[in-house]
Amino acid sequence: PGNVFLGSPHRLDRPTSGIVIYTKTEKALKRMSE
């Protein structure tokens, strides 16, 4: 229910394809961003 947390530690350019990593928790977001 409600809002779902989804962290985005990096991005790919719009015209490219492939691996994008998202995080489900704040802890994982902080560590993946680092």
ModelCIF file with pLDDT and N, C-alpha, C, O atoms, coordinates in Angstrom:
data_MODEL
#
_entry.id   MODEL 
#
_entity.id                         1 
_entity.type                       polymer 
_entity.pdbx_number_of_molecules   1 
#
_entity_poly.entity_id                      1 
_entity_poly.type                           'polypeptide(L)' 
_entity_poly.nstd_linkage                   no 
_entity_poly.nstd_monomer                   no 
_entity_poly.pdbx_seq_one_letter_code       PGNVFLGSPHRLDRPTSGIVIYTKTEKALKRMSE 
_entity_poly.pdbx_seq_one_letter_code_can   PGNVFLGSPHRLDRPTSGIVIYTKTEKALKRMSE 
_entity_poly.pdbx_strand_id                 A 
#
loop_
_entity_poly_seq.entity_id 
_entity_poly_seq.num 
_entity_poly_seq.mon_id 
_entity_poly_seq.hetero 
1 1  PRO n 
1 2  GLY n 
1 3  ASN n 
1 4  VAL n 
1 5  PHE n 
1 6  LEU n 
1 7  GLY n 
1 8  SER n 
1 9  PRO n 
1 10 HIS n 
1 11 ARG n 
1 12 LEU n 
1 13 ASP n 
1 14 ARG n 
1 15 PRO n 
1 16 THR n 
1 17 SER n 
1 18 GLY n 
1 19 ILE n 
1 20 VAL n 
1 21 ILE n 
1 22 TYR n 
1 23 THR n 
1 24 LYS n 
1 25 THR n 
1 26 GLU n 
1 27 LYS n 
1 28 ALA n 
1 29 LEU n 
1 30 LYS n 
1 31 ARG n 
1 32 MET n 
1 33 SER n 
1 34 GLU n 
#
_struct_asym.id          A 
_struct_asym.entity_id   1 
#
loop_
_ma_qa_metric.id 
_ma_qa_metric.mode 
_ma_qa_metric.name 
_ma_qa_metric.software_group_id 
_ma_qa_metric.type 
1 global pLDDT . pLDDT 
2 local  pLDDT . pLDDT 
#
_ma_qa_metric_global.metric_id      1 
_ma_qa_metric_global.metric_value   95.35 
_ma_qa_metric_global.model_id       1 
_ma_qa_metric_global.ordinal_id     1 
#
loop_
_ma_qa_metric_local.label_asym_id 
_ma_qa_metric_local.label_comp_id 
_ma_qa_metric_local.label_seq_id 
_ma_qa_metric_local.metric_id 
_ma_qa_metric_local.metric_value 
_ma_qa_metric_local.model_id 
_ma_qa_metric_local.ordinal_id 
A PRO 1  2 85.00 1 1  
A GLY 2  2 85.00 1 2  
A ASN 3  2 88.00 1 3  
A VAL 4  2 93.00 1 4  
A PHE 5  2 95.00 1 5  
A LEU 6  2 96.00 1 6  
A GLY 7  2 96.00 1 7  
A SER 8  2 96.00 1 8  
A PRO 9  2 96.00 1 9  
A HIS 10 2 95.00 1 10 
A ARG 11 2 92.00 1 11 
A LEU 12 2 94.00 1 12 
A ASP 13 2 92.00 1 13 
A ARG 14 2 94.00 1 14 
A PRO 15 2 96.00 1 15 
A THR 16 2 97.00 1 16 
A SER 17 2 98.00 1 17 
A GLY 18 2 98.00 1 18 
A ILE 19 2 98.00 1 19 
A VAL 20 2 98.00 1 20 
A ILE 21 2 98.00 1 21 
A TYR 22 2 97.00 1 22 
A THR 23 2 98.00 1 23 
A LYS 24 2 97.00 1 24 
A THR 25 2 96.00 1 25 
A GLU 26 2 97.00 1 26 
A LYS 27 2 97.00 1 27 
A ALA 28 2 98.00 1 28 
A LEU 29 2 98.00 1 29 
A LYS 30 2 97.00 1 30 
A ARG 31 2 97.00 1 31 
A MET 32 2 98.00 1 32 
A SER 33 2 96.00 1 33 
A GLU 34 2 96.00 1 34 
#
loop_
_atom_site.group_PDB 
_atom_site.id 
_atom_site.type_symbol 
_atom_site.label_atom_id 
_atom_site.label_alt_id 
_atom_site.label_comp_id 
_atom_site.label_asym_id 
_atom_site.label_entity_id 
_atom_site.label_seq_id 
_atom_site.pdbx_PDB_ins_code 
_atom_site.Cartn_x 
_atom_site.Cartn_y 
_atom_site.Cartn_z 
_atom_site.occupancy 
_atom_site.B_iso_or_equiv 
_atom_site.pdbx_formal_charge 
_atom_site.auth_seq_id 
_atom_site.auth_comp_id 
_atom_site.auth_asym_id 
_atom_site.auth_atom_id 
_atom_site.pdbx_PDB_model_num 
ATOM 1   N N  . PRO A 1 1  ? 0.836  -1.202 0.000   1.00 85.00 ? 1  PRO A N  1 
ATOM 2   C CA . PRO A 1 1  ? 0.000  0.000  0.000   1.00 85.00 ? 1  PRO A CA 1 
ATOM 3   C C  . PRO A 1 1  ? 0.876  1.258  0.000   1.00 85.00 ? 1  PRO A C  1 
ATOM 4   O O  . PRO A 1 1  ? 2.040  1.205  0.396   1.00 85.00 ? 1  PRO A O  1 
ATOM 5   N N  . GLY A 1 2  ? 0.323  2.373  -0.437  1.00 85.00 ? 2  GLY A N  1 
ATOM 6   C CA . GLY A 1 2  ? 1.034  3.657  -0.361  1.00 85.00 ? 2  GLY A CA 1 
ATOM 7   C C  . GLY A 1 2  ? 2.229  3.726  -1.290  1.00 85.00 ? 2  GLY A C  1 
ATOM 8   O O  . GLY A 1 2  ? 2.346  2.980  -2.261  1.00 85.00 ? 2  GLY A O  1 
ATOM 9   N N  . ASN A 1 3  ? 3.114  4.657  -0.949  1.00 88.00 ? 3  ASN A N  1 
ATOM 10  C CA . ASN A 1 3  ? 4.297  4.883  -1.775  1.00 88.00 ? 3  ASN A CA 1 
ATOM 11  C C  . ASN A 1 3  ? 5.329  3.787  -1.594  1.00 88.00 ? 3  ASN A C  1 
ATOM 12  O O  . ASN A 1 3  ? 5.544  3.298  -0.485  1.00 88.00 ? 3  ASN A O  1 
ATOM 13  N N  . VAL A 1 4  ? 5.962  3.407  -2.689  1.00 93.00 ? 4  VAL A N  1 
ATOM 14  C CA . VAL A 1 4  ? 7.022  2.402  -2.656  1.00 93.00 ? 4  VAL A CA 1 
ATOM 15  C C  . VAL A 1 4  ? 8.360  3.123  -2.755  1.00 93.00 ? 4  VAL A C  1 
ATOM 16  O O  . VAL A 1 4  ? 8.546  3.963  -3.635  1.00 93.00 ? 4  VAL A O  1 
ATOM 17  N N  . PHE A 1 5  ? 9.299  2.803  -1.855  1.00 95.00 ? 5  PHE A N  1 
ATOM 18  C CA . PHE A 1 5  ? 10.640 3.390  -1.953  1.00 95.00 ? 5  PHE A CA 1 
ATOM 19  C C  . PHE A 1 5  ? 11.425 2.693  -3.060  1.00 95.00 ? 5  PHE A C  1 
ATOM 20  O O  . PHE A 1 5  ? 11.451 1.466  -3.143  1.00 95.00 ? 5  PHE A O  1 
ATOM 21  N N  . LEU A 1 6  ? 12.066 3.499  -3.910  1.00 96.00 ? 6  LEU A N  1 
ATOM 22  C CA . LEU A 1 6  ? 12.951 2.938  -4.932  1.00 96.00 ? 6  LEU A CA 1 
ATOM 23  C C  . LEU A 1 6  ? 14.080 3.927  -5.175  1.00 96.00 ? 6  LEU A C  1 
ATOM 24  O O  . LEU A 1 6  ? 13.872 4.992  -5.755  1.00 96.00 ? 6  LEU A O  1 
ATOM 25  N N  . GLY A 1 7  ? 15.287 3.562  -4.724  1.00 96.00 ? 7  GLY A N  1 
ATOM 26  C CA . GLY A 1 7  ? 16.444 4.437  -4.869  1.00 96.00 ? 7  GLY A CA 1 
ATOM 27  C C  . GLY A 1 7  ? 17.120 4.262  -6.214  1.00 96.00 ? 7  GLY A C  1 
ATOM 28  O O  . GLY A 1 7  ? 17.120 3.175  -6.793  1.00 96.00 ? 7  GLY A O  1 
ATOM 29  N N  . SER A 1 8  ? 17.702 5.361  -6.706  1.00 96.00 ? 8  SER A N  1 
ATOM 30  C CA . SER A 1 8  ? 18.346 5.349  -8.020  1.00 96.00 ? 8  SER A CA 1 
ATOM 31  C C  . SER A 1 8  ? 19.798 5.834  -7.879  1.00 96.00 ? 8  SER A C  1 
ATOM 32  O O  . SER A 1 8  ? 20.062 7.032  -7.984  1.00 96.00 ? 8  SER A O  1 
ATOM 33  N N  . PRO A 1 9  ? 20.742 4.903  -7.640  1.00 96.00 ? 9  PRO A N  1 
ATOM 34  C CA . PRO A 1 9  ? 22.121 5.318  -7.385  1.00 96.00 ? 9  PRO A CA 1 
ATOM 35  C C  . PRO A 1 9  ? 22.917 5.724  -8.624  1.00 96.00 ? 9  PRO A C  1 
ATOM 36  O O  . PRO A 1 9  ? 24.020 6.257  -8.502  1.00 96.00 ? 9  PRO A O  1 
ATOM 37  N N  . HIS A 1 10 ? 22.369 5.478  -9.816  1.00 95.00 ? 10 HIS A N  1 
ATOM 38  C CA . HIS A 1 10 ? 23.058 5.866  -11.056 1.00 95.00 ? 10 HIS A CA 1 
ATOM 39  C C  . HIS A 1 10 ? 22.008 5.963  -12.156 1.00 95.00 ? 10 HIS A C  1 
ATOM 40  O O  . HIS A 1 10 ? 20.830 5.691  -11.926 1.00 95.00 ? 10 HIS A O  1 
ATOM 41  N N  . ARG A 1 11 ? 22.442 6.351  -13.345 1.00 92.00 ? 11 ARG A N  1 
ATOM 42  C CA . ARG A 1 11 ? 21.497 6.414  -14.464 1.00 92.00 ? 11 ARG A CA 1 
ATOM 43  C C  . ARG A 1 11 ? 22.212 6.083  -15.770 1.00 92.00 ? 11 ARG A C  1 
ATOM 44  O O  . ARG A 1 11 ? 23.434 6.186  -15.873 1.00 92.00 ? 11 ARG A O  1 
ATOM 45  N N  . LEU A 1 12 ? 21.423 5.685  -16.761 1.00 94.00 ? 12 LEU A N  1 
ATOM 46  C CA . LEU A 1 12 ? 21.925 5.522  -18.124 1.00 94.00 ? 12 LEU A CA 1 
ATOM 47  C C  . LEU A 1 12 ? 21.303 6.598  -18.980 1.00 94.00 ? 12 LEU A C  1 
ATOM 48  O O  . LEU A 1 12 ? 20.174 7.018  -18.725 1.00 94.00 ? 12 LEU A O  1 
ATOM 49  N N  . ASP A 1 13 ? 22.021 7.054  -19.994 1.00 92.00 ? 13 ASP A N  1 
ATOM 50  C CA . ASP A 1 13 ? 21.462 8.034  -20.926 1.00 92.00 ? 13 ASP A CA 1 
ATOM 51  C C  . ASP A 1 13 ? 20.216 7.466  -21.598 1.00 92.00 ? 13 ASP A C  1 
ATOM 52  O O  . ASP A 1 13 ? 20.121 6.263  -21.844 1.00 92.00 ? 13 ASP A O  1 
ATOM 53  N N  . ARG A 1 14 ? 19.277 8.336  -21.886 1.00 94.00 ? 14 ARG A N  1 
ATOM 54  C CA . ARG A 1 14 ? 17.999 7.908  -22.479 1.00 94.00 ? 14 ARG A CA 1 
ATOM 55  C C  . ARG A 1 14 ? 18.165 7.086  -23.763 1.00 94.00 ? 14 ARG A C  1 
ATOM 56  O O  . ARG A 1 14 ? 17.446 6.101  -23.932 1.00 94.00 ? 14 ARG A O  1 
ATOM 57  N N  . PRO A 1 15 ? 19.090 7.448  -24.686 1.00 96.00 ? 15 PRO A N  1 
ATOM 58  C CA . PRO A 1 15 ? 19.183 6.670  -25.932 1.00 96.00 ? 15 PRO A CA 1 
ATOM 59  C C  . PRO A 1 15 ? 19.927 5.343  -25.817 1.00 96.00 ? 15 PRO A C  1 
ATOM 60  O O  . PRO A 1 15 ? 20.013 4.604  -26.798 1.00 96.00 ? 15 PRO A O  1 
ATOM 61  N N  . THR A 1 16 ? 20.471 5.024  -24.628 1.00 97.00 ? 16 THR A N  1 
ATOM 62  C CA . THR A 1 16 ? 21.209 3.771  -24.460 1.00 97.00 ? 16 THR A CA 1 
ATOM 63  C C  . THR A 1 16 ? 20.327 2.698  -23.833 1.00 97.00 ? 16 THR A C  1 
ATOM 64  O O  . THR A 1 16 ? 19.217 2.973  -23.380 1.00 97.00 ? 16 THR A O  1 
ATOM 65  N N  . SER A 1 17 ? 20.840 1.472  -23.816 1.00 98.00 ? 17 SER A N  1 
ATOM 66  C CA . SER A 1 17 ? 20.105 0.342  -23.230 1.00 98.00 ? 17 SER A CA 1 
ATOM 67  C C  . SER A 1 17 ? 21.006 -0.378 -22.237 1.00 98.00 ? 17 SER A C  1 
ATOM 68  O O  . SER A 1 17 ? 22.204 -0.110 -22.154 1.00 98.00 ? 17 SER A O  1 
ATOM 69  N N  . GLY A 1 18 ? 20.404 -1.302 -21.482 1.00 98.00 ? 18 GLY A N  1 
ATOM 70  C CA . GLY A 1 18 ? 21.199 -2.173 -20.630 1.00 98.00 ? 18 GLY A CA 1 
ATOM 71  C C  . GLY A 1 18 ? 20.936 -2.033 -19.139 1.00 98.00 ? 18 GLY A C  1 
ATOM 72  O O  . GLY A 1 18 ? 19.878 -1.562 -18.721 1.00 98.00 ? 18 GLY A O  1 
ATOM 73  N N  . ILE A 1 19 ? 21.908 -2.445 -18.354 1.00 98.00 ? 19 ILE A N  1 
ATOM 74  C CA . ILE A 1 19 ? 21.757 -2.621 -16.911 1.00 98.00 ? 19 ILE A CA 1 
ATOM 75  C C  . ILE A 1 19 ? 21.513 -1.312 -16.165 1.00 98.00 ? 19 ILE A C  1 
ATOM 76  O O  . ILE A 1 19 ? 22.290 -0.362 -16.260 1.00 98.00 ? 19 ILE A O  1 
ATOM 77  N N  . VAL A 1 20 ? 20.408 -1.294 -15.419 1.00 98.00 ? 20 VAL A N  1 
ATOM 78  C CA . VAL A 1 20 ? 20.138 -0.205 -14.475 1.00 98.00 ? 20 VAL A CA 1 
ATOM 79  C C  . VAL A 1 20 ? 19.851 -0.832 -13.113 1.00 98.00 ? 20 VAL A C  1 
ATOM 80  O O  . VAL A 1 20 ? 19.005 -1.717 -12.988 1.00 98.00 ? 20 VAL A O  1 
ATOM 81  N N  . ILE A 1 21 ? 20.568 -0.357 -12.100 1.00 98.00 ? 21 ILE A N  1 
ATOM 82  C CA . ILE A 1 21 ? 20.425 -0.886 -10.742 1.00 98.00 ? 21 ILE A CA 1 
ATOM 83  C C  . ILE A 1 21 ? 19.591 0.073  -9.904  1.00 98.00 ? 21 ILE A C  1 
ATOM 84  O O  . ILE A 1 21 ? 19.916 1.256  -9.797  1.00 98.00 ? 21 ILE A O  1 
ATOM 85  N N  . TYR A 1 22 ? 18.522 -0.434 -9.314  1.00 97.00 ? 22 TYR A N  1 
ATOM 86  C CA . TYR A 1 22 ? 17.720 0.337  -8.355  1.00 97.00 ? 22 TYR A CA 1 
ATOM 87  C C  . TYR A 1 22 ? 17.832 -0.338 -6.987  1.00 97.00 ? 22 TYR A C  1 
ATOM 88  O O  . TYR A 1 22 ? 18.137 -1.527 -6.892  1.00 97.00 ? 22 TYR A O  1 
ATOM 89  N N  . THR A 1 23 ? 17.583 0.432  -5.939  1.00 98.00 ? 23 THR A N  1 
ATOM 90  C CA . THR A 1 23 ? 17.642 -0.124 -4.583  1.00 98.00 ? 23 THR A CA 1 
ATOM 91  C C  . THR A 1 23 ? 16.272 -0.035 -3.928  1.00 98.00 ? 23 THR A C  1 
ATOM 92  O O  . THR A 1 23 ? 15.501 0.893  -4.177  1.00 98.00 ? 23 THR A O  1 
ATOM 93  N N  . LYS A 1 24 ? 15.985 -1.028 -3.078  1.00 97.00 ? 24 LYS A N  1 
ATOM 94  C CA . LYS A 1 24 ? 14.688 -1.082 -2.399  1.00 97.00 ? 24 LYS A CA 1 
ATOM 95  C C  . LYS A 1 24 ? 14.738 -0.491 -0.991  1.00 97.00 ? 24 LYS A C  1 
ATOM 96  O O  . LYS A 1 24 ? 13.698 -0.293 -0.364  1.00 97.00 ? 24 LYS A O  1 
ATOM 97  N N  . THR A 1 25 ? 15.946 -0.208 -0.492  1.00 96.00 ? 25 THR A N  1 
ATOM 98  C CA . THR A 1 25 ? 16.082 0.333  0.862   1.00 96.00 ? 25 THR A CA 1 
ATOM 99  C C  . THR A 1 25 ? 17.036 1.521  0.863   1.00 96.00 ? 25 THR A C  1 
ATOM 100 O O  . THR A 1 25 ? 17.875 1.652  -0.028  1.00 96.00 ? 25 THR A O  1 
ATOM 101 N N  . GLU A 1 26 ? 16.903 2.387  1.869   1.00 97.00 ? 26 GLU A N  1 
ATOM 102 C CA . GLU A 1 26 ? 17.790 3.540  2.033   1.00 97.00 ? 26 GLU A CA 1 
ATOM 103 C C  . GLU A 1 26 ? 19.236 3.087  2.255   1.00 97.00 ? 26 GLU A C  1 
ATOM 104 O O  . GLU A 1 26 ? 20.173 3.686  1.727   1.00 97.00 ? 26 GLU A O  1 
ATOM 105 N N  . LYS A 1 27 ? 19.401 2.019  3.047   1.00 97.00 ? 27 LYS A N  1 
ATOM 106 C CA . LYS A 1 27 ? 20.749 1.522  3.341   1.00 97.00 ? 27 LYS A CA 1 
ATOM 107 C C  . LYS A 1 27 ? 21.451 1.082  2.056   1.00 97.00 ? 27 LYS A C  1 
ATOM 108 O O  . LYS A 1 27 ? 22.610 1.422  1.819   1.00 97.00 ? 27 LYS A O  1 
ATOM 109 N N  . ALA A 1 28 ? 20.728 0.318  1.230   1.00 98.00 ? 28 ALA A N  1 
ATOM 110 C CA . ALA A 1 28 ? 21.306 -0.145 -0.038  1.00 98.00 ? 28 ALA A CA 1 
ATOM 111 C C  . ALA A 1 28 ? 21.604 1.032  -0.968  1.00 98.00 ? 28 ALA A C  1 
ATOM 112 O O  . ALA A 1 28 ? 22.612 1.024  -1.674  1.00 98.00 ? 28 ALA A O  1 
ATOM 113 N N  . LEU A 1 29 ? 20.730 2.045  -0.970  1.00 98.00 ? 29 LEU A N  1 
ATOM 114 C CA . LEU A 1 29 ? 20.942 3.225  -1.819  1.00 98.00 ? 29 LEU A CA 1 
ATOM 115 C C  . LEU A 1 29 ? 22.229 3.944  -1.426  1.00 98.00 ? 29 LEU A C  1 
ATOM 116 O O  . LEU A 1 29 ? 23.039 4.295  -2.284  1.00 98.00 ? 29 LEU A O  1 
ATOM 117 N N  . LYS A 1 30 ? 22.410 4.158  -0.142  1.00 97.00 ? 30 LYS A N  1 
ATOM 118 C CA . LYS A 1 30 ? 23.608 4.861  0.347   1.00 97.00 ? 30 LYS A CA 1 
ATOM 119 C C  . LYS A 1 30 ? 24.874 4.100  -0.063  1.00 97.00 ? 30 LYS A C  1 
ATOM 120 O O  . LYS A 1 30 ? 25.831 4.695  -0.556  1.00 97.00 ? 30 LYS A O  1 
ATOM 121 N N  . ARG A 1 31 ? 24.868 2.796  0.144   1.00 97.00 ? 31 ARG A N  1 
ATOM 122 C CA . ARG A 1 31 ? 26.063 2.001  -0.152  1.00 97.00 ? 31 ARG A CA 1 
ATOM 123 C C  . ARG A 1 31 ? 26.320 1.868  -1.655  1.00 97.00 ? 31 ARG A C  1 
ATOM 124 O O  . ARG A 1 31 ? 27.469 1.907  -2.094  1.00 97.00 ? 31 ARG A O  1 
ATOM 125 N N  . MET A 1 32 ? 25.253 1.712  -2.442  1.00 98.00 ? 32 MET A N  1 
ATOM 126 C CA . MET A 1 32 ? 25.441 1.618  -3.897  1.00 98.00 ? 32 MET A CA 1 
ATOM 127 C C  . MET A 1 32 ? 25.883 2.961  -4.476  1.00 98.00 ? 32 MET A C  1 
ATOM 128 O O  . MET A 1 32 ? 26.690 2.997  -5.405  1.00 98.00 ? 32 MET A O  1 
ATOM 129 N N  . SER A 1 33 ? 25.364 4.059  -3.939  1.00 96.00 ? 33 SER A N  1 
ATOM 130 C CA . SER A 1 33 ? 25.786 5.393  -4.399  1.00 96.00 ? 33 SER A CA 1 
ATOM 131 C C  . SER A 1 33 ? 27.278 5.576  -4.145  1.00 96.00 ? 33 SER A C  1 
ATOM 132 O O  . SER A 1 33 ? 28.000 6.105  -4.990  1.00 96.00 ? 33 SER A O  1 
ATOM 133 N N  . GLU A 1 34 ? 27.736 5.131  -2.970  1.00 96.00 ? 34 GLU A N  1 
ATOM 134 C CA . GLU A 1 34 ? 29.171 5.206  -2.655  1.00 96.00 ? 34 GLU A CA 1 
ATOM 135 C C  . GLU A 1 34 ? 29.975 4.323  -3.601  1.00 96.00 ? 34 GLU A C  1 
ATOM 136 O O  . GLU A 1 34 ? 31.200 4.256  -3.491  1.00 96.00 ? 34 GLU A O  1 
#
